[in-house]
């Protein structure tokens, strides 16, 4: 699944390649991805241009003249840039054709991704956007904020780090890495967290996400970029997908467990 670093990489790549291009057609092959009325969706987009691309958590926000196109990639969503004459490939569900005869094609093997058009003044009324917490790289993410969010929770820390209403943009990969860096057990309940541990989680979140963004995200089997950018952060993973290998800090064997249905990797010795 693309997480904050991968979505930021997609955003930066697309900004260089599609801004200012005029949309001459929209081909909707799998309509359930679109949350807006289909006729309205096409009528607003055709003749319009993407003037900017923003990001809120894992949401891509394509700016039009009066509207935003909100796009969430969910599990397997990707964007391809192709020449218009290329045959439509399997799993290419939404195709934006520009006047220069190039396409922006949305590809999604599981069809879980979603798109919606909203007026600019209603961006923060959109259900997914208005519930977003603070991003790992935002200075508003403080130890006090985290402690307040965690202190009454009877849920394990791994589950809490995946809660997008608390920290926006962290997913399974980076939650594992953040907890390892902060030396916090993924099984520890929120109610048992200390202010000092919240400081470590805050610092680890910012450090790891900034590094991941600088490396173009993480390219692993479950998510690979499709815009000619190969993430390199997988080279720096210390626990995620490292089951059975020795911990780089203490030499203990990295373990894998399921926490609320999510695969979790950790060092039992470093994360007591």
C-alpha atoms as a PDB file:
ATOM      1  CA  UNK A   1       0.000   0.000   0.000  1.00  0.00           C
ATOM      2  CA  UNK A   2       1.350   3.470  -0.823  1.00  0.00           C
ATOM      3  CA  UNK A   3       2.027   5.456   2.323  1.00  0.00           C
ATOM      4  CA  UNK A   4       2.808   9.127   2.840  1.00  0.00           C
ATOM      5  CA  UNK A   5       6.296   8.969   1.305  1.00  0.00           C
ATOM      6  CA  UNK A   6       5.086   7.097  -1.778  1.00  0.00           C
ATOM      7  CA  UNK A   7       2.127   9.451  -2.281  1.00  0.00           C
ATOM      8  CA  UNK A   8       4.441  12.443  -1.917  1.00  0.00           C
ATOM      9  CA  UNK A   9       6.752  10.922  -4.548  1.00  0.00           C
ATOM     10  CA  UNK A  10       3.802  10.434  -6.923  1.00  0.00           C
ATOM     11  CA  UNK A  11       2.714  14.034  -6.285  1.00  0.00           C
ATOM     12  CA  UNK A  12       6.142  15.496  -7.019  1.00  0.00           C
ATOM     13  CA  UNK A  13       6.578  13.370 -10.144  1.00  0.00           C
ATOM     14  CA  UNK A  14       3.160  14.241 -11.570  1.00  0.00           C
ATOM     15  CA  UNK A  15       3.681  17.947 -10.870  1.00  0.00           C
ATOM     16  CA  UNK A  16       6.643  17.908 -13.233  1.00  0.00           C
ATOM     17  CA  UNK A  17       4.758  16.134 -16.006  1.00  0.00           C
ATOM     18  CA  UNK A  18       1.073  17.060 -16.192  1.00  0.00           C
ATOM     19  CA  UNK A  19       0.569  20.579 -14.820  1.00  0.00           C
ATOM     20  CA  UNK A  20      -0.890  22.981 -17.383  1.00  0.00           C
ATOM     21  CA  UNK A  21      -2.009  20.251 -19.759  1.00  0.00           C
ATOM     22  CA  UNK A  22      -5.576  20.687 -21.013  1.00  0.00           C
ATOM     23  CA  UNK A  23      -7.910  17.719 -20.574  1.00  0.00           C
ATOM     24  CA  UNK A  24      -9.782  16.900 -23.772  1.00  0.00           C
ATOM     25  CA  UNK A  25     -11.479  13.669 -22.693  1.00  0.00           C
ATOM     26  CA  UNK A  26     -12.121  11.422 -19.698  1.00  0.00           C
ATOM     27  CA  UNK A  27     -12.702   7.704 -20.189  1.00  0.00           C
ATOM     28  CA  UNK A  28     -14.347   6.023 -17.192  1.00  0.00           C
ATOM     29  CA  UNK A  29     -14.016   2.259 -17.557  1.00  0.00           C
ATOM     30  CA  UNK A  30     -14.788   1.207 -13.967  1.00  0.00           C
ATOM     31  CA  UNK A  31     -17.273   3.730 -12.608  1.00  0.00           C
ATOM     32  CA  UNK A  32     -17.349   2.596  -8.962  1.00  0.00           C
ATOM     33  CA  UNK A  33     -14.032   4.360  -8.388  1.00  0.00           C
ATOM     34  CA  UNK A  34     -15.789   7.703  -8.976  1.00  0.00           C
ATOM     35  CA  UNK A  35     -17.804   9.044  -6.043  1.00  0.00           C
ATOM     36  CA  UNK A  36     -19.123  12.040  -7.996  1.00  0.00           C
ATOM     37  CA  UNK A  37     -21.966  11.931 -10.544  1.00  0.00           C
ATOM     38  CA  UNK A  38     -20.309  10.604 -13.698  1.00  0.00           C
ATOM     39  CA  UNK A  39     -21.701  13.256 -16.071  1.00  0.00           C
ATOM     40  CA  UNK A  40     -20.679  16.011 -13.675  1.00  0.00           C
ATOM     41  CA  UNK A  41     -17.256  14.417 -13.274  1.00  0.00           C
ATOM     42  CA  UNK A  42     -16.617  14.457 -17.027  1.00  0.00           C
ATOM     43  CA  UNK A  43     -18.179  17.868 -17.690  1.00  0.00           C
ATOM     44  CA  UNK A  44     -16.053  19.589 -15.036  1.00  0.00           C
ATOM     45  CA  UNK A  45     -12.796  17.924 -16.095  1.00  0.00           C
ATOM     46  CA  UNK A  46     -13.035  18.206 -19.893  1.00  0.00           C
ATOM     47  CA  UNK A  47     -11.561  21.509 -20.999  1.00  0.00           C
ATOM     48  CA  UNK A  48      -9.970  22.058 -17.609  1.00  0.00           C
ATOM     49  CA  UNK A  49      -6.314  21.816 -16.539  1.00  0.00           C
ATOM     50  CA  UNK A  50      -4.506  20.620 -13.452  1.00  0.00           C
ATOM     51  CA  UNK A  51      -2.834  23.757 -12.096  1.00  0.00           C
ATOM     52  CA  UNK A  52      -1.309  22.190  -8.989  1.00  0.00           C
ATOM     53  CA  UNK A  53      -1.194  18.938  -7.033  1.00  0.00           C
ATOM     54  CA  UNK A  54      -1.321  18.965  -3.261  1.00  0.00           C
ATOM     55  CA  UNK A  55      -1.355  16.192  -0.695  1.00  0.00           C
ATOM     56  CA  UNK A  56      -3.176  15.691   2.596  1.00  0.00           C
ATOM     57  CA  UNK A  57      -2.101  12.481   4.320  1.00  0.00           C
ATOM     58  CA  UNK A  58      -2.448   9.758   1.688  1.00  0.00           C
ATOM     59  CA  UNK A  59      -4.834  11.829  -0.457  1.00  0.00           C
ATOM     60  CA  UNK A  60      -3.684  13.430  -3.716  1.00  0.00           C
ATOM     61  CA  UNK A  61      -5.442  16.751  -4.360  1.00  0.00           C
ATOM     62  CA  UNK A  62      -5.444  17.784  -8.040  1.00  0.00           C
ATOM     63  CA  UNK A  63      -6.286  21.484  -8.357  1.00  0.00           C
ATOM     64  CA  UNK A  64      -8.627  22.676 -11.137  1.00  0.00           C
ATOM     65  CA  UNK A  65     -10.104  26.141 -11.625  1.00  0.00           C
ATOM     66  CA  UNK A  66     -13.003  25.923  -9.138  1.00  0.00           C
ATOM     67  CA  UNK A  67     -12.718  22.321  -7.967  1.00  0.00           C
ATOM     68  CA  UNK A  68     -10.324  19.800  -6.487  1.00  0.00           C
ATOM     69  CA  UNK A  69     -10.076  16.245  -7.761  1.00  0.00           C
ATOM     70  CA  UNK A  70      -9.448  14.124  -4.679  1.00  0.00           C
ATOM     71  CA  UNK A  71      -7.706  10.794  -5.296  1.00  0.00           C
ATOM     72  CA  UNK A  72      -6.925   8.037  -2.795  1.00  0.00           C
ATOM     73  CA  UNK A  73      -4.810   5.158  -4.094  1.00  0.00           C
ATOM     74  CA  UNK A  74      -5.859   2.732  -1.349  1.00  0.00           C
ATOM     75  CA  UNK A  75      -4.083  -0.646  -1.627  1.00  0.00           C
ATOM     76  CA  UNK A  76      -2.783  -0.859  -5.191  1.00  0.00           C
ATOM     77  CA  UNK A  77      -3.648   2.363  -7.029  1.00  0.00           C
ATOM     78  CA  UNK A  78      -1.056   3.775  -9.419  1.00  0.00           C
ATOM     79  CA  UNK A  79      -0.853   6.464 -12.089  1.00  0.00           C
ATOM     80  CA  UNK A  80       0.688   5.806 -15.505  1.00  0.00           C
ATOM     81  CA  UNK A  81       1.661   8.428 -18.075  1.00  0.00           C
ATOM     82  CA  UNK A  82       1.305   7.077 -21.616  1.00  0.00           C
ATOM     83  CA  UNK A  83       0.815   8.144 -25.198  1.00  0.00           C
ATOM     84  CA  UNK A  84      -2.866   8.155 -26.100  1.00  0.00           C
ATOM     85  CA  UNK A  85      -2.437   5.659 -28.941  1.00  0.00           C
ATOM     86  CA  UNK A  86      -1.158   2.951 -26.592  1.00  0.00           C
ATOM     87  CA  UNK A  87      -3.748   0.208 -26.015  1.00  0.00           C
ATOM     88  CA  UNK A  88      -5.629   0.379 -22.751  1.00  0.00           C
ATOM     89  CA  UNK A  89      -4.087  -2.162 -20.408  1.00  0.00           C
ATOM     90  CA  UNK A  90      -5.870  -4.419 -17.976  1.00  0.00           C
ATOM     91  CA  UNK A  91      -6.736  -2.635 -14.723  1.00  0.00           C
ATOM     92  CA  UNK A  92      -6.523   0.853 -16.260  1.00  0.00           C
ATOM     93  CA  UNK A  93      -9.874   2.170 -15.067  1.00  0.00           C
ATOM     94  CA  UNK A  94      -9.867   5.984 -15.415  1.00  0.00           C
ATOM     95  CA  UNK A  95      -8.097   7.713 -18.310  1.00  0.00           C
ATOM     96  CA  UNK A  96      -7.542  11.461 -18.570  1.00  0.00           C
ATOM     97  CA  UNK A  97      -6.551  12.360 -22.141  1.00  0.00           C
ATOM     98  CA  UNK A  98      -4.751  15.651 -22.722  1.00  0.00           C
ATOM     99  CA  UNK A  99      -4.725  17.791 -25.860  1.00  0.00           C
ATOM    100  CA  UNK A 100      -1.103  16.823 -26.535  1.00  0.00           C
ATOM    101  CA  UNK A 101      -2.279  13.208 -27.020  1.00  0.00           C
ATOM    102  CA  UNK A 102      -0.839  11.927 -23.766  1.00  0.00           C
ATOM    103  CA  UNK A 103      -2.830  10.171 -21.052  1.00  0.00           C
ATOM    104  CA  UNK A 104      -2.831  10.079 -17.298  1.00  0.00           C
ATOM    105  CA  UNK A 105      -4.135   6.589 -16.570  1.00  0.00           C
ATOM    106  CA  UNK A 106      -5.309   5.353 -13.182  1.00  0.00           C
ATOM    107  CA  UNK A 107      -4.425   1.680 -12.703  1.00  0.00           C
ATOM    108  CA  UNK A 108      -5.788  -0.361  -9.800  1.00  0.00           C
ATOM    109  CA  UNK A 109      -5.746  -4.163  -9.675  1.00  0.00           C
ATOM    110  CA  UNK A 110      -8.076  -4.318  -6.673  1.00  0.00           C
ATOM    111  CA  UNK A 111     -10.318  -1.400  -7.675  1.00  0.00           C
ATOM    112  CA  UNK A 112     -10.271  -0.047  -4.105  1.00  0.00           C
ATOM    113  CA  UNK A 113      -9.115   3.476  -5.047  1.00  0.00           C
ATOM    114  CA  UNK A 114     -11.532   6.381  -5.007  1.00  0.00           C
ATOM    115  CA  UNK A 115     -11.870   9.758  -6.759  1.00  0.00           C
ATOM    116  CA  UNK A 116     -14.215  12.654  -6.075  1.00  0.00           C
ATOM    117  CA  UNK A 117     -14.659  16.229  -7.277  1.00  0.00           C
ATOM    118  CA  UNK A 118     -15.373  18.883  -4.665  1.00  0.00           C
ATOM    119  CA  UNK A 119     -15.622  22.655  -4.818  1.00  0.00           C
ATOM    120  CA  UNK A 120     -12.491  24.231  -3.372  1.00  0.00           C
ATOM    121  CA  UNK A 121     -14.346  25.775  -0.445  1.00  0.00           C
ATOM    122  CA  UNK A 122     -15.679  22.335   0.506  1.00  0.00           C
ATOM    123  CA  UNK A 123     -12.375  20.444   0.534  1.00  0.00           C
ATOM    124  CA  UNK A 124     -12.380  20.033   4.311  1.00  0.00           C
ATOM    125  CA  UNK A 125     -16.010  18.914   4.272  1.00  0.00           C
ATOM    126  CA  UNK A 126     -14.963  15.769   2.407  1.00  0.00           C
ATOM    127  CA  UNK A 127     -15.285  12.899   4.878  1.00  0.00           C
ATOM    128  CA  UNK A 128     -11.803  11.446   4.501  1.00  0.00           C
ATOM    129  CA  UNK A 129     -10.036  14.810   4.540  1.00  0.00           C
ATOM    130  CA  UNK A 130     -11.762  16.302   7.567  1.00  0.00           C
ATOM    131  CA  UNK A 131     -10.825  13.311   9.723  1.00  0.00           C
ATOM    132  CA  UNK A 132      -7.099  13.484   8.995  1.00  0.00           C
ATOM    133  CA  UNK A 133      -4.749  13.837  11.945  1.00  0.00           C
ATOM    134  CA  UNK A 134      -1.412  15.647  11.980  1.00  0.00           C
ATOM    135  CA  UNK A 135       1.279  14.562   9.523  1.00  0.00           C
ATOM    136  CA  UNK A 136       4.608  13.144  10.771  1.00  0.00           C
ATOM    137  CA  UNK A 137       6.534  16.023   9.178  1.00  0.00           C
ATOM    138  CA  UNK A 138       4.289  18.739  10.618  1.00  0.00           C
ATOM    139  CA  UNK A 139       5.698  20.719  13.544  1.00  0.00           C
ATOM    140  CA  UNK A 140       2.232  20.539  15.109  1.00  0.00           C
ATOM    141  CA  UNK A 141       2.934  16.899  15.885  1.00  0.00           C
ATOM    142  CA  UNK A 142       4.158  17.224  19.465  1.00  0.00           C
ATOM    143  CA  UNK A 143       4.722  14.775  22.301  1.00  0.00           C
ATOM    144  CA  UNK A 144       1.856  16.414  24.207  1.00  0.00           C
ATOM    145  CA  UNK A 145      -0.519  15.924  21.270  1.00  0.00           C
ATOM    146  CA  UNK A 146       0.409  12.246  20.970  1.00  0.00           C
ATOM    147  CA  UNK A 147       0.218  11.611  24.710  1.00  0.00           C
ATOM    148  CA  UNK A 148      -3.250  13.133  24.830  1.00  0.00           C
ATOM    149  CA  UNK A 149      -4.388  10.946  21.905  1.00  0.00           C
ATOM    150  CA  UNK A 150      -2.865   7.739  23.294  1.00  0.00           C
ATOM    151  CA  UNK A 151      -3.299   7.944  27.068  1.00  0.00           C
ATOM    152  CA  UNK A 152      -6.847   6.559  27.303  1.00  0.00           C
ATOM    153  CA  UNK A 153      -6.610   3.980  24.534  1.00  0.00           C
ATOM    154  CA  UNK A 154      -6.796   0.249  25.225  1.00  0.00           C
ATOM    155  CA  UNK A 155      -5.346  -0.480  21.791  1.00  0.00           C
ATOM    156  CA  UNK A 156      -1.763  -1.545  20.946  1.00  0.00           C
ATOM    157  CA  UNK A 157       0.625   1.120  19.698  1.00  0.00           C
ATOM    158  CA  UNK A 158       0.877  -0.487  16.248  1.00  0.00           C
ATOM    159  CA  UNK A 159      -2.870  -0.043  15.777  1.00  0.00           C
ATOM    160  CA  UNK A 160      -2.773   3.530  17.085  1.00  0.00           C
ATOM    161  CA  UNK A 161       0.010   4.558  14.684  1.00  0.00           C
ATOM    162  CA  UNK A 162      -2.154   3.317  11.802  1.00  0.00           C
ATOM    163  CA  UNK A 163      -5.080   5.476  12.939  1.00  0.00           C
ATOM    164  CA  UNK A 164      -5.177   8.251  10.327  1.00  0.00           C
ATOM    165  CA  UNK A 165      -7.155  10.502  12.672  1.00  0.00           C
ATOM    166  CA  UNK A 166      -4.120  10.634  14.987  1.00  0.00           C
ATOM    167  CA  UNK A 167      -1.122  10.630  12.640  1.00  0.00           C
ATOM    168  CA  UNK A 168      -1.972  11.187   8.992  1.00  0.00           C
ATOM    169  CA  UNK A 169      -0.100   9.192   6.384  1.00  0.00           C
ATOM    170  CA  UNK A 170       1.623   6.424   8.327  1.00  0.00           C
ATOM    171  CA  UNK A 171       0.977   2.921   7.073  1.00  0.00           C
ATOM    172  CA  UNK A 172       2.162  -0.560   7.938  1.00  0.00           C
ATOM    173  CA  UNK A 173       5.761  -0.178   6.754  1.00  0.00           C
ATOM    174  CA  UNK A 174       6.569   3.074   8.485  1.00  0.00           C
ATOM    175  CA  UNK A 175       4.621   2.251  11.659  1.00  0.00           C
ATOM    176  CA  UNK A 176       6.938  -0.750  12.156  1.00  0.00           C
ATOM    177  CA  UNK A 177      10.024   1.352  11.480  1.00  0.00           C
ATOM    178  CA  UNK A 178       8.904   4.223  13.725  1.00  0.00           C
ATOM    179  CA  UNK A 179       8.204   1.939  16.684  1.00  0.00           C
ATOM    180  CA  UNK A 180      11.562   0.219  16.257  1.00  0.00           C
ATOM    181  CA  UNK A 181      13.409   3.528  16.076  1.00  0.00           C
ATOM    182  CA  UNK A 182      11.533   4.785  19.149  1.00  0.00           C
ATOM    183  CA  UNK A 183      12.182   1.479  20.984  1.00  0.00           C
ATOM    184  CA  UNK A 184       8.488   1.068  21.749  1.00  0.00           C
ATOM    185  CA  UNK A 185       6.800  -2.329  21.640  1.00  0.00           C
ATOM    186  CA  UNK A 186       4.052  -2.599  19.023  1.00  0.00           C
ATOM    187  CA  UNK A 187       2.021  -4.517  21.633  1.00  0.00           C
ATOM    188  CA  UNK A 188       2.175  -1.778  24.277  1.00  0.00           C
ATOM    189  CA  UNK A 189      -1.228  -0.279  24.994  1.00  0.00           C
ATOM    190  CA  UNK A 190      -1.795   3.417  24.464  1.00  0.00           C
ATOM    191  CA  UNK A 191      -2.815   3.899  28.095  1.00  0.00           C
ATOM    192  CA  UNK A 192       0.641   2.724  29.177  1.00  0.00           C
ATOM    193  CA  UNK A 193       2.648   5.083  26.969  1.00  0.00           C
ATOM    194  CA  UNK A 194       4.857   7.724  28.581  1.00  0.00           C
ATOM    195  CA  UNK A 195       5.462  11.320  27.557  1.00  0.00           C
ATOM    196  CA  UNK A 196       9.110  10.428  26.910  1.00  0.00           C
ATOM    197  CA  UNK A 197       8.068   7.620  24.563  1.00  0.00           C
ATOM    198  CA  UNK A 198       5.727  10.018  22.747  1.00  0.00           C
ATOM    199  CA  UNK A 199       8.701  12.307  22.167  1.00  0.00           C
ATOM    200  CA  UNK A 200      10.643   9.389  20.690  1.00  0.00           C
ATOM    201  CA  UNK A 201       7.705   8.430  18.442  1.00  0.00           C
ATOM    202  CA  UNK A 202       7.341  12.028  17.259  1.00  0.00           C
ATOM    203  CA  UNK A 203      11.054  12.322  16.439  1.00  0.00           C
ATOM    204  CA  UNK A 204      11.218   8.898  14.779  1.00  0.00           C
ATOM    205  CA  UNK A 205       8.140   9.625  12.636  1.00  0.00           C
ATOM    206  CA  UNK A 206       9.581  12.844  11.265  1.00  0.00           C
ATOM    207  CA  UNK A 207      13.076  11.435  10.694  1.00  0.00           C
ATOM    208  CA  UNK A 208      11.914   8.275   8.938  1.00  0.00           C
ATOM    209  CA  UNK A 209       9.311   9.922   6.716  1.00  0.00           C
ATOM    210  CA  UNK A 210      11.683  12.696   5.619  1.00  0.00           C
ATOM    211  CA  UNK A 211      14.311  10.068   4.774  1.00  0.00           C
ATOM    212  CA  UNK A 212      11.755   7.942   2.920  1.00  0.00           C
ATOM    213  CA  UNK A 213      10.589  10.942   0.873  1.00  0.00           C
ATOM    214  CA  UNK A 214      14.182  11.796  -0.012  1.00  0.00           C
ATOM    215  CA  UNK A 215      14.652   8.206  -1.207  1.00  0.00           C
ATOM    216  CA  UNK A 216      11.497   8.221  -3.344  1.00  0.00           C
ATOM    217  CA  UNK A 217       9.528   6.004  -0.990  1.00  0.00           C
ATOM    218  CA  UNK A 218       9.745   2.259  -0.536  1.00  0.00           C
ATOM    219  CA  UNK A 219       9.471  -0.171  -3.449  1.00  0.00           C
ATOM    220  CA  UNK A 220       8.427  -3.614  -2.242  1.00  0.00           C
ATOM    221  CA  UNK A 221       6.224  -6.343  -3.656  1.00  0.00           C
ATOM    222  CA  UNK A 222       2.983  -4.805  -2.379  1.00  0.00           C
ATOM    223  CA  UNK A 223       3.597  -1.395  -3.904  1.00  0.00           C
ATOM    224  CA  UNK A 224       5.768  -0.291  -6.802  1.00  0.00           C
ATOM    225  CA  UNK A 225       5.757   3.164  -8.359  1.00  0.00           C
ATOM    226  CA  UNK A 226       4.704   3.364 -12.002  1.00  0.00           C
ATOM    227  CA  UNK A 227       6.052   6.775 -12.962  1.00  0.00           C
ATOM    228  CA  UNK A 228       9.634   5.865 -13.679  1.00  0.00           C
ATOM    229  CA  UNK A 229      10.606   6.355 -10.030  1.00  0.00           C
ATOM    230  CA  UNK A 230      11.955   3.430  -8.041  1.00  0.00           C
ATOM    231  CA  UNK A 231      11.871   3.950  -4.287  1.00  0.00           C
ATOM    232  CA  UNK A 232      15.094   3.248  -2.444  1.00  0.00           C
ATOM    233  CA  UNK A 233      14.002   3.374   1.211  1.00  0.00           C
ATOM    234  CA  UNK A 234      13.622  -0.420   1.287  1.00  0.00           C
ATOM    235  CA  UNK A 235      17.422  -0.446   1.613  1.00  0.00           C
ATOM    236  CA  UNK A 236      17.041   1.233   5.014  1.00  0.00           C
ATOM    237  CA  UNK A 237      14.283  -0.950   6.485  1.00  0.00           C
ATOM    238  CA  UNK A 238      15.408  -2.264   9.856  1.00  0.00           C
ATOM    239  CA  UNK A 239      12.473  -4.467  10.882  1.00  0.00           C
ATOM    240  CA  UNK A 240       9.710  -4.439   8.261  1.00  0.00           C
ATOM    241  CA  UNK A 241       9.935  -7.629   6.134  1.00  0.00           C
ATOM    242  CA  UNK A 242      13.098  -8.579   8.074  1.00  0.00           C
ATOM    243  CA  UNK A 243      11.590 -11.586   9.878  1.00  0.00           C
ATOM    244  CA  UNK A 244      14.217 -14.190  10.814  1.00  0.00           C
ATOM    245  CA  UNK A 245      17.147 -11.825  10.295  1.00  0.00           C
ATOM    246  CA  UNK A 246      19.345 -10.523  13.122  1.00  0.00           C
ATOM    247  CA  UNK A 247      18.460  -7.098  14.505  1.00  0.00           C
ATOM    248  CA  UNK A 248      21.023  -4.551  13.314  1.00  0.00           C
ATOM    249  CA  UNK A 249      21.106  -3.031  16.818  1.00  0.00           C
ATOM    250  CA  UNK A 250      21.350  -6.043  19.136  1.00  0.00           C
ATOM    251  CA  UNK A 251      21.598  -9.182  16.993  1.00  0.00           C
ATOM    252  CA  UNK A 252      18.356 -10.696  18.240  1.00  0.00           C
ATOM    253  CA  UNK A 253      16.128 -12.303  15.612  1.00  0.00           C
ATOM    254  CA  UNK A 254      13.439 -10.043  14.141  1.00  0.00           C
ATOM    255  CA  UNK A 255       9.979 -11.476  14.746  1.00  0.00           C
ATOM    256  CA  UNK A 256       6.656 -11.221  12.953  1.00  0.00           C
ATOM    257  CA  UNK A 257       3.211 -11.142  14.526  1.00  0.00           C
ATOM    258  CA  UNK A 258      -0.344 -10.156  13.656  1.00  0.00           C
ATOM    259  CA  UNK A 259      -1.783  -7.176  15.498  1.00  0.00           C
ATOM    260  CA  UNK A 260      -5.423  -6.520  14.671  1.00  0.00           C
ATOM    261  CA  UNK A 261      -4.914  -8.340  11.395  1.00  0.00           C
ATOM    262  CA  UNK A 262      -1.824  -6.393  10.332  1.00  0.00           C
ATOM    263  CA  UNK A 263       1.565  -8.045   9.875  1.00  0.00           C
ATOM    264  CA  UNK A 264       3.956  -6.496  12.365  1.00  0.00           C
ATOM    265  CA  UNK A 265       7.727  -6.805  12.508  1.00  0.00           C
ATOM    266  CA  UNK A 266       9.708  -6.021  15.637  1.00  0.00           C
ATOM    267  CA  UNK A 267      12.731  -6.795  17.815  1.00  0.00           C
ATOM    268  CA  UNK A 268      11.676  -8.323  21.137  1.00  0.00           C
ATOM    269  CA  UNK A 269      14.884  -7.152  22.798  1.00  0.00           C
ATOM    270  CA  UNK A 270      15.001  -3.545  21.548  1.00  0.00           C
ATOM    271  CA  UNK A 271      11.258  -3.003  21.864  1.00  0.00           C
ATOM    272  CA  UNK A 272      10.526  -4.324  25.350  1.00  0.00           C
END
